[in-house]
Amino acid sequence: MPARLPQPSTAPQELELAAGQALMLKLARGTVMHLQTGVVDVEDAPALWADQCWPQPRRFRSGEVWIVPRTGWWRLEGRVSRDPACRISARPPAARRSRLPPPY
């Protein structure tokens, strides 16, 4: 019987950011980010606009969900809000199912 390879955990990871605190994370495409409380800005790598590099931040508020569009480094920054801290739940993408080759 062949040995089974361990599968990556799909349990959500809990993160907490205070207002003004920033964190760089390498996130895989398909990771589901759920902002439970607070406000957070998410920035990817700067984009080139008219020979200048400008970051393109996205702002998410309490209760919003974001699915990471591509694998890479992302900067998360907690913003001032009514909540004392931003609580984020990050669930990695499910493992890909292996496909059997066609029978012909």
Protein backbone atom coordinates (compact mmCIF):
# COMPACT_ATOMS: atom_id res chain seq x y z
CA MET A 1 0.00 0.00 0.00
CA PRO A 2 1.51 3.40 -0.98
CA ALA A 3 2.23 5.92 1.74
CA ARG A 4 -0.20 8.82 1.97
CA LEU A 5 1.22 12.32 1.77
CA PRO A 6 0.08 14.73 4.47
CA GLN A 7 -2.41 17.29 3.18
CA PRO A 8 -2.07 20.97 4.09
CA SER A 9 -4.41 22.15 6.81
CA THR A 10 -7.53 23.97 5.64
CA ALA A 11 -8.34 25.23 9.15
CA PRO A 12 -8.79 29.01 9.26
CA GLN A 13 -5.96 31.07 10.72
CA GLU A 14 -6.94 33.95 13.00
CA LEU A 15 -5.07 37.27 12.73
CA GLU A 16 -5.43 40.46 14.75
CA LEU A 17 -4.14 43.91 13.77
CA ALA A 18 -4.26 47.11 15.85
CA ALA A 19 -4.92 50.44 14.13
CA GLY A 20 -1.75 51.47 12.29
CA GLN A 21 -0.18 48.01 12.51
CA ALA A 22 0.86 46.45 9.19
CA LEU A 23 1.67 42.88 8.23
CA MET A 24 3.17 41.35 5.08
CA LEU A 25 1.79 37.92 4.18
CA LYS A 26 2.46 35.58 1.32
CA LEU A 27 -1.02 34.39 0.36
CA ALA A 28 -1.94 31.65 -2.09
CA ARG A 29 -4.48 32.23 -4.85
CA GLY A 30 -7.94 31.26 -3.60
CA THR A 31 -7.31 32.06 0.08
CA VAL A 32 -10.52 33.33 1.67
CA MET A 33 -10.05 36.36 3.93
CA HIS A 34 -13.01 37.23 6.19
CA LEU A 35 -12.81 40.48 8.12
CA GLN A 36 -14.71 39.85 11.35
CA THR A 37 -14.25 43.28 12.98
CA GLY A 38 -12.53 46.56 12.12
CA VAL A 39 -11.28 48.10 8.89
CA VAL A 40 -8.23 46.93 6.96
CA ASP A 41 -6.40 48.13 3.83
CA VAL A 42 -4.94 45.45 1.54
CA GLU A 43 -2.17 46.33 -0.93
CA ASP A 44 -0.52 44.16 -3.53
CA ALA A 45 2.68 44.93 -5.42
CA PRO A 46 2.74 48.47 -6.82
CA ALA A 47 1.40 48.88 -10.36
CA LEU A 48 3.19 50.93 -13.01
CA TRP A 49 1.11 53.97 -14.05
CA ALA A 50 2.69 56.58 -16.38
CA ASP A 51 6.27 55.65 -15.46
CA GLN A 52 5.53 55.84 -11.71
CA CYS A 53 4.86 53.03 -9.25
CA TRP A 54 1.67 53.45 -7.24
CA PRO A 55 0.27 50.91 -4.79
CA GLN A 56 -3.37 50.02 -5.38
CA PRO A 57 -4.95 49.62 -1.90
CA ARG A 58 -8.34 48.07 -1.29
CA ARG A 59 -10.30 48.85 1.89
CA PHE A 60 -12.38 46.18 3.59
CA ARG A 61 -14.81 46.71 6.45
CA SER A 62 -16.28 44.47 9.12
CA GLY A 63 -18.18 41.50 7.64
CA GLU A 64 -16.65 41.66 4.15
CA VAL A 65 -15.00 38.68 2.44
CA TRP A 66 -12.14 38.80 -0.07
CA ILE A 67 -10.75 35.94 -2.15
CA VAL A 68 -7.08 36.40 -3.04
CA PRO A 69 -6.87 36.71 -6.85
CA ARG A 70 -3.24 35.59 -7.24
CA THR A 71 -0.37 34.16 -5.23
CA GLY A 72 2.05 36.75 -3.91
CA TRP A 73 2.98 39.08 -1.10
CA TRP A 74 0.16 41.21 0.29
CA ARG A 75 0.36 44.03 2.84
CA LEU A 76 -2.47 44.25 5.38
CA GLU A 77 -2.78 47.41 7.48
CA GLY A 78 -5.26 47.96 10.31
CA ARG A 79 -7.18 51.24 10.13
CA VAL A 80 -8.83 53.34 12.83
CA SER A 81 -12.43 52.24 13.42
CA ARG A 82 -14.96 51.79 16.21
CA ASP A 83 -13.46 48.38 16.96
CA PRO A 84 -10.21 48.33 18.99
CA ALA A 85 -8.56 45.86 16.60
CA CYS A 86 -9.10 44.22 13.21
CA ARG A 87 -9.85 40.50 13.49
CA ILE A 88 -9.26 38.55 10.31
CA SER A 89 -9.92 34.90 9.56
CA ALA A 90 -7.83 33.49 6.68
CA ARG A 91 -8.70 30.07 5.22
CA PRO A 92 -6.22 28.63 2.69
CA PRO A 93 -7.58 27.19 -0.55
CA ALA A 94 -8.65 23.56 -0.58
CA ALA A 95 -6.13 21.07 -1.95
CA ARG A 96 -6.58 20.28 -5.60
CA ARG A 97 -8.14 16.97 -6.39
CA SER A 98 -6.04 14.69 -8.52
CA ARG A 99 -7.60 13.84 -11.84
CA LEU A 100 -7.50 10.34 -13.19
CA PRO A 101 -6.26 10.00 -16.76
CA PRO A 102 -8.95 9.15 -19.33
CA PRO A 103 -9.47 5.39 -19.78
CA TYR A 104 -8.55 5.43 -23.47
